[in-house]
Structures are given as structure tokens and as C-alpha cells.
Amino acid sequence: MPANDNAHSLRLIEAIRNIKGNDAANAFADAHPLSKSADVHKKFHWACDICTALNTQFSKEEANAIRRSCRCGDGKTMAREISACIHKAGNIVEGCKLFSQKNKYAFLEYVTEHELIFGYYACVCSCIKRAEGTVPRRWCECSVGYTEPMFKQLLGETVQVTLIDTVKSGGNRCAFRIVW
């Protein structure tokens, strides 16, 4: 049996375990292994296959919850960076502009008093960014899971994050709508 020790795979299996239980997680792990030695192309194809499997084996809500639980970080560093920009600028409108000016890889746009657009100009996912081709948008739901706690920490309120677009699904940038 192939090794299933890749960090992306381990996070996915743990997310399935938390949402659907041990049996579902173990069956998924057996059917979709990924080793930490997998090359760029293997990881990319695995990600595409995972999206298909999630779509066929789980409800839309469950599949989104699983992917959102697969985030690679907690966003605390980025939240501190955004907070520093808002503090330095004196308000959220100018803070968004300052953050976007200071960063070559990320942006933050003020939309309304309770809505922002946050994102990246290029794919930041270590599992898929180096491979050519597109992936289903479902794969990028993990970034919603990353963005949500980051902005909850930043704003001190519960937020709703929606995936708008992704580079690896054919968009010009990865963008997320934050509403609170």
C-alpha cells in the first residue's frame, strides 16, 4: 500500500475524520493516498482527484467544510500585518490601501463599511502552484478556511468569507469576499 504521509493528505484525512468520522476518513485515506515524496505533477493530479471524490461522496456543505478545515496556517501573521497597516493609516480604508501598496503578493480592497476583498495575485498553495493546469474551485476552499479566522481575529467579529475567484481555476487572482 502506498504511503499516505503528505501534509496535505494528512490534513484532509483529519478534516474528514472530524466531520464524518473514522470509518469515512480511513476509507478515503485508503482510496486516495499521497506520499510526502510525491512530485509536483502527482500532487496536482491528486488534488483534482480529491475534488471529484469529495463531490461524489459528500454533500456540498460537507465537502466545503472538509476543504475549509484543510488550511495550511492560522493567518495570525497576516492578520498582524493588516492590523499594523490599518493602525498606521488611521482607518480601514487607508489601511487597505497601505497593505496593498506594501505587498507584492497580496491585496486588500475596501468595498463598504462591512465588506472587504482579500486575496493574492498568484496561487500560494504549495500542493498545486507549480503545476500547469486548472483545478476545481473546491480545492481552493481551504483558503476560505484560512481567511475566516484571520479576519475574525483582525475585526474582532464573526465574518463570512466567500470564494470569489482563483488563479488555478482560471481567474486572474485569488479573491475572497469578507462580510461582517
N, C-alpha and C. Protein backbone atom coordinates (compact mmCIF):
# COMPACT_ATOMS: atom_id res chain seq x y z
N MET A 1 0.84 -1.18 0.00
CA MET A 1 0.00 0.00 0.00
C MET A 1 0.89 1.25 0.00
N PRO A 2 0.56 2.26 -0.84
CA PRO A 2 1.37 3.48 -0.89
C PRO A 2 1.31 4.24 0.44
N ALA A 3 2.38 4.96 0.72
CA ALA A 3 2.42 5.78 1.93
C ALA A 3 1.41 6.91 1.80
N ASN A 4 0.85 7.30 2.91
CA ASN A 4 -0.10 8.42 2.93
C ASN A 4 0.38 9.39 4.01
N ASP A 5 1.55 9.99 3.74
CA ASP A 5 2.19 10.81 4.76
C ASP A 5 2.45 12.25 4.31
N ASN A 6 1.84 12.67 3.22
CA ASN A 6 1.96 14.05 2.76
C ASN A 6 1.13 14.96 3.68
N ALA A 7 1.64 16.12 4.01
CA ALA A 7 0.94 17.03 4.92
C ALA A 7 -0.46 17.39 4.42
N HIS A 8 -0.60 17.59 3.12
CA HIS A 8 -1.92 17.92 2.56
C HIS A 8 -2.89 16.76 2.76
N SER A 9 -2.41 15.56 2.52
CA SER A 9 -3.25 14.37 2.70
C SER A 9 -3.62 14.17 4.17
N LEU A 10 -2.67 14.36 5.04
CA LEU A 10 -2.93 14.18 6.47
C LEU A 10 -3.96 15.19 6.98
N ARG A 11 -3.87 16.45 6.53
CA ARG A 11 -4.87 17.45 6.93
C ARG A 11 -6.25 17.08 6.39
N LEU A 12 -6.30 16.60 5.14
CA LEU A 12 -7.56 16.21 4.53
C LEU A 12 -8.20 15.06 5.30
N ILE A 13 -7.44 14.04 5.62
CA ILE A 13 -7.97 12.88 6.33
C ILE A 13 -8.44 13.29 7.72
N GLU A 14 -7.70 14.15 8.39
CA GLU A 14 -8.11 14.62 9.71
C GLU A 14 -9.41 15.42 9.62
N ALA A 15 -9.55 16.23 8.58
CA ALA A 15 -10.78 17.00 8.38
C ALA A 15 -11.97 16.06 8.15
N ILE A 16 -11.77 15.05 7.34
CA ILE A 16 -12.85 14.07 7.11
C ILE A 16 -13.20 13.36 8.42
N ARG A 17 -12.18 13.01 9.19
CA ARG A 17 -12.40 12.34 10.47
C ARG A 17 -13.25 13.22 11.40
N ASN A 18 -12.94 14.50 11.46
CA ASN A 18 -13.66 15.42 12.33
C ASN A 18 -15.10 15.65 11.88
N ILE A 19 -15.34 15.58 10.58
CA ILE A 19 -16.67 15.89 10.05
C ILE A 19 -17.52 14.64 9.84
N LYS A 20 -16.89 13.54 9.40
CA LYS A 20 -17.66 12.34 9.05
C LYS A 20 -17.29 11.10 9.86
N GLY A 21 -16.24 11.16 10.65
CA GLY A 21 -15.88 10.03 11.49
C GLY A 21 -14.73 9.20 10.96
N ASN A 22 -14.29 8.25 11.79
CA ASN A 22 -13.12 7.41 11.49
C ASN A 22 -13.30 6.54 10.26
N ASP A 23 -14.46 5.91 10.14
CA ASP A 23 -14.67 5.00 9.01
C ASP A 23 -14.54 5.72 7.68
N ALA A 24 -15.18 6.87 7.57
CA ALA A 24 -15.12 7.65 6.33
C ALA A 24 -13.68 8.11 6.06
N ALA A 25 -13.00 8.56 7.11
CA ALA A 25 -11.62 9.04 6.96
C ALA A 25 -10.69 7.91 6.53
N ASN A 26 -10.81 6.77 7.17
CA ASN A 26 -9.94 5.64 6.83
C ASN A 26 -10.19 5.15 5.41
N ALA A 27 -11.45 5.08 5.01
CA ALA A 27 -11.78 4.65 3.64
C ALA A 27 -11.23 5.64 2.62
N PHE A 28 -11.35 6.91 2.91
CA PHE A 28 -10.85 7.94 1.99
C PHE A 28 -9.33 7.87 1.91
N ALA A 29 -8.69 7.70 3.04
CA ALA A 29 -7.22 7.61 3.07
C ALA A 29 -6.72 6.42 2.26
N ASP A 30 -7.40 5.30 2.39
CA ASP A 30 -7.01 4.10 1.64
C ASP A 30 -7.20 4.29 0.14
N ALA A 31 -8.26 4.99 -0.23
CA ALA A 31 -8.58 5.17 -1.65
C ALA A 31 -7.77 6.28 -2.32
N HIS A 32 -7.25 7.24 -1.52
CA HIS A 32 -6.58 8.42 -2.09
C HIS A 32 -5.29 8.76 -1.37
N PRO A 33 -4.31 7.87 -1.38
CA PRO A 33 -3.05 8.15 -0.67
C PRO A 33 -2.19 9.16 -1.42
N LEU A 34 -1.37 9.86 -0.66
CA LEU A 34 -0.38 10.77 -1.24
C LEU A 34 0.84 10.78 -0.33
N SER A 35 1.98 10.45 -0.88
CA SER A 35 3.20 10.41 -0.06
C SER A 35 3.89 11.76 -0.06
N LYS A 36 4.70 11.99 0.96
CA LYS A 36 5.42 13.26 1.04
C LYS A 36 6.49 13.36 -0.05
N SER A 37 6.82 12.24 -0.68
CA SER A 37 7.79 12.28 -1.78
C SER A 37 7.14 12.54 -3.14
N ALA A 38 5.83 12.75 -3.17
CA ALA A 38 5.14 12.99 -4.44
C ALA A 38 5.68 14.23 -5.13
N ASP A 39 5.84 14.14 -6.45
CA ASP A 39 6.32 15.30 -7.20
C ASP A 39 5.17 16.26 -7.48
N VAL A 40 5.50 17.38 -8.10
CA VAL A 40 4.55 18.45 -8.40
C VAL A 40 3.35 17.92 -9.18
N HIS A 41 3.60 17.11 -10.18
CA HIS A 41 2.52 16.62 -11.04
C HIS A 41 1.62 15.63 -10.30
N LYS A 42 2.21 14.78 -9.49
CA LYS A 42 1.42 13.81 -8.72
C LYS A 42 0.51 14.55 -7.74
N LYS A 43 1.05 15.56 -7.06
CA LYS A 43 0.25 16.34 -6.11
C LYS A 43 -0.89 17.06 -6.82
N PHE A 44 -0.61 17.62 -7.99
CA PHE A 44 -1.63 18.34 -8.74
C PHE A 44 -2.76 17.39 -9.15
N HIS A 45 -2.43 16.24 -9.69
CA HIS A 45 -3.45 15.27 -10.10
C HIS A 45 -4.21 14.72 -8.90
N TRP A 46 -3.51 14.52 -7.79
CA TRP A 46 -4.16 14.08 -6.57
C TRP A 46 -5.20 15.11 -6.13
N ALA A 47 -4.84 16.40 -6.16
CA ALA A 47 -5.77 17.46 -5.77
C ALA A 47 -7.02 17.44 -6.64
N CYS A 48 -6.85 17.28 -7.94
CA CYS A 48 -8.01 17.21 -8.84
C CYS A 48 -8.87 15.99 -8.52
N ASP A 49 -8.24 14.86 -8.29
CA ASP A 49 -8.98 13.63 -7.95
C ASP A 49 -9.72 13.79 -6.62
N ILE A 50 -9.09 14.45 -5.67
CA ILE A 50 -9.71 14.67 -4.37
C ILE A 50 -11.00 15.47 -4.53
N CYS A 51 -10.97 16.49 -5.36
CA CYS A 51 -12.16 17.31 -5.57
C CYS A 51 -13.30 16.48 -6.16
N THR A 52 -12.99 15.63 -7.11
CA THR A 52 -14.00 14.75 -7.70
C THR A 52 -14.57 13.82 -6.63
N ALA A 53 -13.69 13.23 -5.84
CA ALA A 53 -14.14 12.31 -4.79
C ALA A 53 -14.99 13.03 -3.74
N LEU A 54 -14.58 14.21 -3.33
CA LEU A 54 -15.36 14.98 -2.36
C LEU A 54 -16.75 15.28 -2.92
N ASN A 55 -16.80 15.66 -4.19
CA ASN A 55 -18.08 16.00 -4.82
C ASN A 55 -19.02 14.81 -4.92
N THR A 56 -18.47 13.63 -5.10
CA THR A 56 -19.32 12.44 -5.27
C THR A 56 -19.65 11.75 -3.96
N GLN A 57 -18.81 11.90 -2.94
CA GLN A 57 -19.01 11.16 -1.70
C GLN A 57 -19.63 11.97 -0.56
N PHE A 58 -19.66 13.29 -0.71
CA PHE A 58 -20.16 14.14 0.36
C PHE A 58 -21.09 15.20 -0.21
N SER A 59 -21.94 15.76 0.66
CA SER A 59 -22.78 16.88 0.24
C SER A 59 -21.89 18.09 -0.03
N LYS A 60 -22.43 19.08 -0.70
CA LYS A 60 -21.68 20.31 -0.99
C LYS A 60 -21.20 20.95 0.32
N GLU A 61 -22.08 21.00 1.31
CA GLU A 61 -21.74 21.61 2.59
C GLU A 61 -20.62 20.83 3.29
N GLU A 62 -20.72 19.50 3.26
CA GLU A 62 -19.68 18.68 3.90
C GLU A 62 -18.35 18.82 3.16
N ALA A 63 -18.39 18.80 1.83
CA ALA A 63 -17.16 18.94 1.04
C ALA A 63 -16.50 20.28 1.30
N ASN A 64 -17.29 21.35 1.35
CA ASN A 64 -16.73 22.67 1.66
C ASN A 64 -16.15 22.70 3.06
N ALA A 65 -16.86 22.13 4.03
CA ALA A 65 -16.36 22.10 5.40
C ALA A 65 -15.06 21.32 5.50
N ILE A 66 -14.97 20.23 4.79
CA ILE A 66 -13.74 19.42 4.78
C ILE A 66 -12.59 20.24 4.21
N ARG A 67 -12.78 20.84 3.06
CA ARG A 67 -11.70 21.63 2.44
C ARG A 67 -11.34 22.83 3.31
N ARG A 68 -12.32 23.49 3.90
CA ARG A 68 -12.02 24.65 4.74
C ARG A 68 -11.22 24.27 5.97
N SER A 69 -11.36 23.03 6.41
CA SER A 69 -10.59 22.55 7.56
C SER A 69 -9.16 22.20 7.19
N CYS A 70 -8.85 22.18 5.91
CA CYS A 70 -7.52 21.78 5.43
C CYS A 70 -6.55 22.95 5.30
N ARG A 71 -6.82 24.04 5.93
CA ARG A 71 -5.96 25.21 5.79
C ARG A 71 -4.55 24.92 6.30
N CYS A 72 -3.58 25.57 5.66
CA CYS A 72 -2.17 25.32 5.99
C CYS A 72 -1.65 26.20 7.12
N GLY A 73 -2.43 27.16 7.56
CA GLY A 73 -1.97 28.04 8.63
C GLY A 73 -3.14 28.71 9.31
N ASP A 74 -2.84 29.55 10.30
CA ASP A 74 -3.91 30.19 11.05
C ASP A 74 -4.10 31.67 10.70
N GLY A 75 -3.23 32.22 9.88
CA GLY A 75 -3.38 33.60 9.43
C GLY A 75 -2.98 34.66 10.44
N LYS A 76 -2.42 34.27 11.56
CA LYS A 76 -2.09 35.25 12.60
C LYS A 76 -1.06 36.26 12.15
N THR A 77 -0.05 35.82 11.42
CA THR A 77 0.98 36.73 10.94
C THR A 77 0.40 37.74 9.96
N MET A 78 -0.40 37.26 9.03
CA MET A 78 -1.04 38.16 8.05
C MET A 78 -2.00 39.11 8.76
N ALA A 79 -2.74 38.64 9.74
CA ALA A 79 -3.66 39.50 10.48
C ALA A 79 -2.90 40.62 11.19
N ARG A 80 -1.75 40.29 11.77
CA ARG A 80 -0.93 41.33 12.43
C ARG A 80 -0.44 42.35 11.41
N GLU A 81 -0.06 41.87 10.22
CA GLU A 81 0.42 42.77 9.18
C GLU A 81 -0.69 43.72 8.72
N ILE A 82 -1.88 43.18 8.51
CA ILE A 82 -3.01 44.02 8.10
C ILE A 82 -3.37 45.00 9.22
N SER A 83 -3.41 44.51 10.45
CA SER A 83 -3.73 45.37 11.59
C SER A 83 -2.74 46.52 11.72
N ALA A 84 -1.46 46.23 11.52
CA ALA A 84 -0.44 47.28 11.60
C ALA A 84 -0.67 48.35 10.53
N CYS A 85 -1.06 47.93 9.35
CA CYS A 85 -1.33 48.88 8.26
C CYS A 85 -2.54 49.75 8.58
N ILE A 86 -3.59 49.14 9.12
CA ILE A 86 -4.79 49.90 9.47
C ILE A 86 -4.47 50.87 10.60
N HIS A 87 -3.73 50.41 11.58
CA HIS A 87 -3.35 51.27 12.70
C HIS A 87 -2.49 52.44 12.22
N LYS A 88 -1.51 52.14 11.38
CA LYS A 88 -0.62 53.19 10.88
C LYS A 88 -1.38 54.20 10.03
N ALA A 89 -2.32 53.71 9.21
CA ALA A 89 -3.09 54.59 8.32
C ALA A 89 -4.16 55.37 9.07
N GLY A 90 -4.61 54.84 10.20
CA GLY A 90 -5.60 55.55 10.99
C GLY A 90 -7.04 55.16 10.72
N ASN A 91 -7.29 54.40 9.64
CA ASN A 91 -8.64 53.93 9.35
C ASN A 91 -8.57 52.74 8.39
N ILE A 92 -9.66 52.04 8.27
CA ILE A 92 -9.66 50.81 7.49
C ILE A 92 -9.51 51.07 5.99
N VAL A 93 -10.09 52.16 5.49
CA VAL A 93 -10.00 52.46 4.06
C VAL A 93 -8.54 52.68 3.65
N GLU A 94 -7.86 53.54 4.36
CA GLU A 94 -6.46 53.83 4.06
C GLU A 94 -5.56 52.66 4.44
N GLY A 95 -5.95 51.91 5.47
CA GLY A 95 -5.19 50.74 5.87
C GLY A 95 -5.18 49.67 4.79
N CYS A 96 -6.32 49.48 4.12
CA CYS A 96 -6.39 48.53 3.00
C CYS A 96 -5.45 48.98 1.88
N LYS A 97 -5.46 50.25 1.58
CA LYS A 97 -4.58 50.78 0.53
C LYS A 97 -3.10 50.57 0.91
N LEU A 98 -2.77 50.89 2.15
CA LEU A 98 -1.39 50.74 2.60
C LEU A 98 -0.94 49.28 2.54
N PHE A 99 -1.79 48.36 3.01
CA PHE A 99 -1.46 46.94 2.94
C PHE A 99 -1.19 46.52 1.51
N SER A 100 -2.05 46.92 0.60
CA SER A 100 -1.90 46.54 -0.81
C SER A 100 -0.66 47.15 -1.44
N GLN A 101 -0.30 48.36 -1.04
CA GLN A 101 0.90 49.00 -1.55
C GLN A 101 2.16 48.32 -1.04
N LYS A 102 2.14 47.86 0.19
CA LYS A 102 3.32 47.23 0.81
C LYS A 102 3.55 45.80 0.33
N ASN A 103 2.53 45.15 -0.18
CA ASN A 103 2.64 43.74 -0.55
C ASN A 103 2.63 43.55 -2.06
N LYS A 104 3.55 42.72 -2.53
CA LYS A 104 3.60 42.39 -3.95
C LYS A 104 2.76 41.16 -4.24
N TYR A 105 2.45 40.36 -3.21
CA TYR A 105 1.77 39.08 -3.40
C TYR A 105 0.30 39.09 -2.95
N ALA A 106 -0.07 40.02 -2.06
CA ALA A 106 -1.43 40.03 -1.51
C ALA A 106 -2.04 41.42 -1.67
N PHE A 107 -3.37 41.46 -1.59
CA PHE A 107 -4.08 42.74 -1.68
C PHE A 107 -5.26 42.73 -0.72
N LEU A 108 -5.73 43.92 -0.40
CA LEU A 108 -6.89 44.10 0.44
C LEU A 108 -7.64 45.32 -0.08
N GLU A 109 -8.90 45.11 -0.44
CA GLU A 109 -9.71 46.19 -1.01
C GLU A 109 -10.89 46.49 -0.09
N TYR A 110 -11.10 47.77 0.17
CA TYR A 110 -12.26 48.21 0.93
C TYR A 110 -13.44 48.29 -0.04
N VAL A 111 -14.56 47.69 0.32
CA VAL A 111 -15.76 47.73 -0.52
C VAL A 111 -16.81 48.59 0.14
N THR A 112 -17.20 48.23 1.37
CA THR A 112 -18.15 49.03 2.15
C THR A 112 -17.73 48.95 3.61
N GLU A 113 -18.51 49.58 4.47
CA GLU A 113 -18.21 49.59 5.90
C GLU A 113 -18.11 48.19 6.50
N HIS A 114 -18.78 47.21 5.89
CA HIS A 114 -18.75 45.85 6.40
C HIS A 114 -18.41 44.82 5.34
N GLU A 115 -17.60 45.22 4.38
CA GLU A 115 -17.19 44.28 3.33
C GLU A 115 -15.82 44.65 2.78
N LEU A 116 -14.96 43.61 2.68
CA LEU A 116 -13.63 43.75 2.11
C LEU A 116 -13.41 42.64 1.10
N ILE A 117 -12.46 42.85 0.21
CA ILE A 117 -11.99 41.79 -0.68
C ILE A 117 -10.51 41.60 -0.36
N PHE A 118 -10.15 40.36 -0.05
CA PHE A 118 -8.77 40.00 0.27
C PHE A 118 -8.32 38.94 -0.72
N GLY A 119 -7.03 38.94 -1.04
CA GLY A 119 -6.56 37.88 -1.91
C GLY A 119 -5.11 37.97 -2.29
N TYR A 120 -4.79 37.15 -3.29
CA TYR A 120 -3.42 37.00 -3.77
C TYR A 120 -3.41 37.16 -5.29
N TYR A 121 -2.29 37.64 -5.81
CA TYR A 121 -2.15 37.80 -7.26
C TYR A 121 -1.73 36.50 -7.95
N ALA A 122 -1.26 35.56 -7.18
CA ALA A 122 -0.83 34.26 -7.71
C ALA A 122 -1.24 33.18 -6.72
N CYS A 123 -1.30 31.97 -7.19
CA CYS A 123 -1.63 30.84 -6.31
C CYS A 123 -0.54 30.68 -5.26
N VAL A 124 -0.94 30.49 -4.01
CA VAL A 124 0.02 30.31 -2.92
C VAL A 124 0.03 28.87 -2.38
N CYS A 125 -0.77 28.00 -2.98
CA CYS A 125 -0.89 26.62 -2.49
C CYS A 125 0.33 25.79 -2.89
N SER A 126 1.07 25.32 -1.92
CA SER A 126 2.28 24.55 -2.20
C SER A 126 1.98 23.22 -2.88
N CYS A 127 0.75 22.78 -2.82
CA CYS A 127 0.40 21.49 -3.43
C CYS A 127 0.19 21.61 -4.95
N ILE A 128 -0.28 22.77 -5.41
CA ILE A 128 -0.66 22.87 -6.83
C ILE A 128 -0.02 24.01 -7.61
N LYS A 129 0.58 24.97 -6.96
CA LYS A 129 1.00 26.19 -7.65
C LYS A 129 2.08 25.98 -8.71
N ARG A 130 2.89 24.95 -8.59
CA ARG A 130 3.99 24.76 -9.54
C ARG A 130 3.59 23.95 -10.78
N ALA A 131 2.40 23.38 -10.78
CA ALA A 131 1.96 22.56 -11.92
C ALA A 131 1.10 23.39 -12.87
N GLU A 132 1.18 23.05 -14.13
CA GLU A 132 0.35 23.71 -15.14
C GLU A 132 -1.06 23.12 -15.08
N GLY A 133 -2.03 23.94 -15.40
CA GLY A 133 -3.40 23.47 -15.48
C GLY A 133 -4.28 24.08 -14.41
N THR A 134 -5.56 23.76 -14.50
CA THR A 134 -6.53 24.28 -13.55
C THR A 134 -7.04 23.16 -12.65
N VAL A 135 -7.53 23.56 -11.50
CA VAL A 135 -8.16 22.63 -10.56
C VAL A 135 -9.58 23.11 -10.30
N PRO A 136 -10.45 22.23 -9.84
CA PRO A 136 -11.80 22.66 -9.45
C PRO A 136 -11.72 23.68 -8.32
N ARG A 137 -12.65 24.61 -8.32
CA ARG A 137 -12.68 25.64 -7.27
C ARG A 137 -12.76 25.04 -5.87
N ARG A 138 -13.36 23.87 -5.76
CA ARG A 138 -13.49 23.20 -4.47
C ARG A 138 -12.14 23.11 -3.76
N TRP A 139 -11.06 22.87 -4.53
CA TRP A 139 -9.73 22.74 -3.91
C TRP A 139 -9.38 23.98 -3.11
N CYS A 140 -9.77 25.13 -3.60
CA CYS A 140 -9.35 26.40 -3.01
C CYS A 140 -10.21 26.83 -1.82
N GLU A 141 -11.19 26.02 -1.44
CA GLU A 141 -11.99 26.32 -0.25
C GLU A 141 -11.12 26.34 1.01
N CYS A 142 -9.95 25.70 0.97
CA CYS A 142 -9.07 25.74 2.13
C CYS A 142 -8.65 27.17 2.45
N SER A 143 -8.55 27.99 1.41
CA SER A 143 -8.18 29.39 1.63
C SER A 143 -9.30 30.18 2.30
N VAL A 144 -10.54 29.75 2.10
CA VAL A 144 -11.65 30.34 2.86
C VAL A 144 -11.45 30.01 4.34
N GLY A 145 -11.05 28.75 4.60
CA GLY A 145 -10.77 28.33 5.97
C GLY A 145 -9.61 29.06 6.60
N TYR A 146 -8.68 29.51 5.80
CA TYR A 146 -7.54 30.30 6.27
C TYR A 146 -7.97 31.75 6.53
N THR A 147 -8.75 32.30 5.60
CA THR A 147 -9.13 33.71 5.65
C THR A 147 -10.11 34.02 6.77
N GLU A 148 -11.04 33.10 7.02
CA GLU A 148 -12.08 33.35 8.02
C GLU A 148 -11.53 33.63 9.42
N PRO A 149 -10.71 32.76 10.01
CA PRO A 149 -10.21 33.07 11.35
C PRO A 149 -9.26 34.27 11.36
N MET A 150 -8.57 34.50 10.27
CA MET A 150 -7.67 35.64 10.18
C MET A 150 -8.46 36.94 10.33
N PHE A 151 -9.57 37.06 9.60
CA PHE A 151 -10.35 38.30 9.68
C PHE A 151 -11.21 38.36 10.93
N LYS A 152 -11.58 37.22 11.47
CA LYS A 152 -12.29 37.23 12.76
C LYS A 152 -11.36 37.80 13.82
N GLN A 153 -10.10 37.37 13.80
CA GLN A 153 -9.11 37.90 14.74
C GLN A 153 -8.89 39.39 14.49
N LEU A 154 -8.75 39.76 13.25
CA LEU A 154 -8.47 41.14 12.88
C LEU A 154 -9.61 42.08 13.26
N LEU A 155 -10.84 41.68 12.95
CA LEU A 155 -12.00 42.54 13.15
C LEU A 155 -12.66 42.37 14.51
N GLY A 156 -12.35 41.26 15.18
CA GLY A 156 -12.96 41.00 16.47
C GLY A 156 -14.43 40.64 16.37
N GLU A 157 -14.85 40.20 15.20
CA GLU A 157 -16.25 39.83 14.96
C GLU A 157 -16.31 38.58 14.10
N THR A 158 -17.45 37.91 14.13
CA THR A 158 -17.67 36.78 13.25
C THR A 158 -17.77 37.30 11.82
N VAL A 159 -17.13 36.62 10.90
CA VAL A 159 -17.15 37.03 9.49
C VAL A 159 -17.64 35.88 8.62
N GLN A 160 -18.15 36.24 7.47
CA GLN A 160 -18.48 35.26 6.44
C GLN A 160 -17.53 35.50 5.29
N VAL A 161 -16.88 34.43 4.84
CA VAL A 161 -15.92 34.53 3.75
C VAL A 161 -16.44 33.70 2.58
N THR A 162 -16.40 34.30 1.41
CA THR A 162 -16.85 33.64 0.19
C THR A 162 -15.73 33.65 -0.83
N LEU A 163 -15.51 32.51 -1.44
CA LEU A 163 -14.53 32.41 -2.52
C LEU A 163 -15.11 33.09 -3.76
N ILE A 164 -14.40 34.08 -4.29
CA ILE A 164 -14.85 34.80 -5.48
C ILE A 164 -14.21 34.20 -6.73
N ASP A 165 -12.88 34.04 -6.69
CA ASP A 165 -12.16 33.58 -7.87
C ASP A 165 -10.80 33.03 -7.45
N THR A 166 -10.23 32.17 -8.31
CA THR A 166 -8.90 31.65 -8.04
C THR A 166 -8.09 31.58 -9.33
N VAL A 167 -6.81 31.77 -9.19
CA VAL A 167 -5.89 31.69 -10.32
C VAL A 167 -5.91 30.29 -10.92
N LYS A 168 -5.88 29.26 -10.06
CA LYS A 168 -5.80 27.89 -10.56
C LYS A 168 -7.13 27.34 -11.09
N SER A 169 -8.19 28.14 -10.99
CA SER A 169 -9.44 27.75 -11.65
C SER A 169 -9.71 28.64 -12.86
N GLY A 170 -8.68 29.38 -13.27
CA GLY A 170 -8.77 30.18 -14.48
C GLY A 170 -8.92 31.67 -14.27
N GLY A 171 -8.97 32.13 -13.02
CA GLY A 171 -9.13 33.56 -12.74
C GLY A 171 -7.82 34.32 -12.82
N ASN A 172 -7.92 35.63 -12.69
CA ASN A 172 -6.74 36.50 -12.73
C ASN A 172 -6.06 36.63 -11.37
N ARG A 173 -6.80 36.28 -10.32
CA ARG A 173 -6.28 36.39 -8.96
C ARG A 173 -7.11 35.50 -8.05
N CYS A 174 -6.61 35.23 -6.87
CA CYS A 174 -7.37 34.52 -5.85
C CYS A 174 -8.01 35.60 -4.97
N ALA A 175 -9.34 35.59 -4.89
CA ALA A 175 -10.04 36.66 -4.19
C ALA A 175 -11.13 36.09 -3.29
N PHE A 176 -11.29 36.73 -2.14
CA PHE A 176 -12.25 36.30 -1.12
C PHE A 176 -13.02 37.51 -0.59
N ARG A 177 -14.33 37.39 -0.55
CA ARG A 177 -15.18 38.44 -0.01
C ARG A 177 -15.35 38.20 1.49
N ILE A 178 -15.08 39.23 2.28
CA ILE A 178 -15.24 39.16 3.74
C ILE A 178 -16.36 40.10 4.13
N VAL A 179 -17.37 39.56 4.78
CA VAL A 179 -18.51 40.37 5.22
C VAL A 179 -18.70 40.14 6.71
N TRP A 180 -18.98 41.21 7.45
CA TRP A 180 -19.22 41.09 8.88
C TRP A 180 -20.32 42.02 9.32
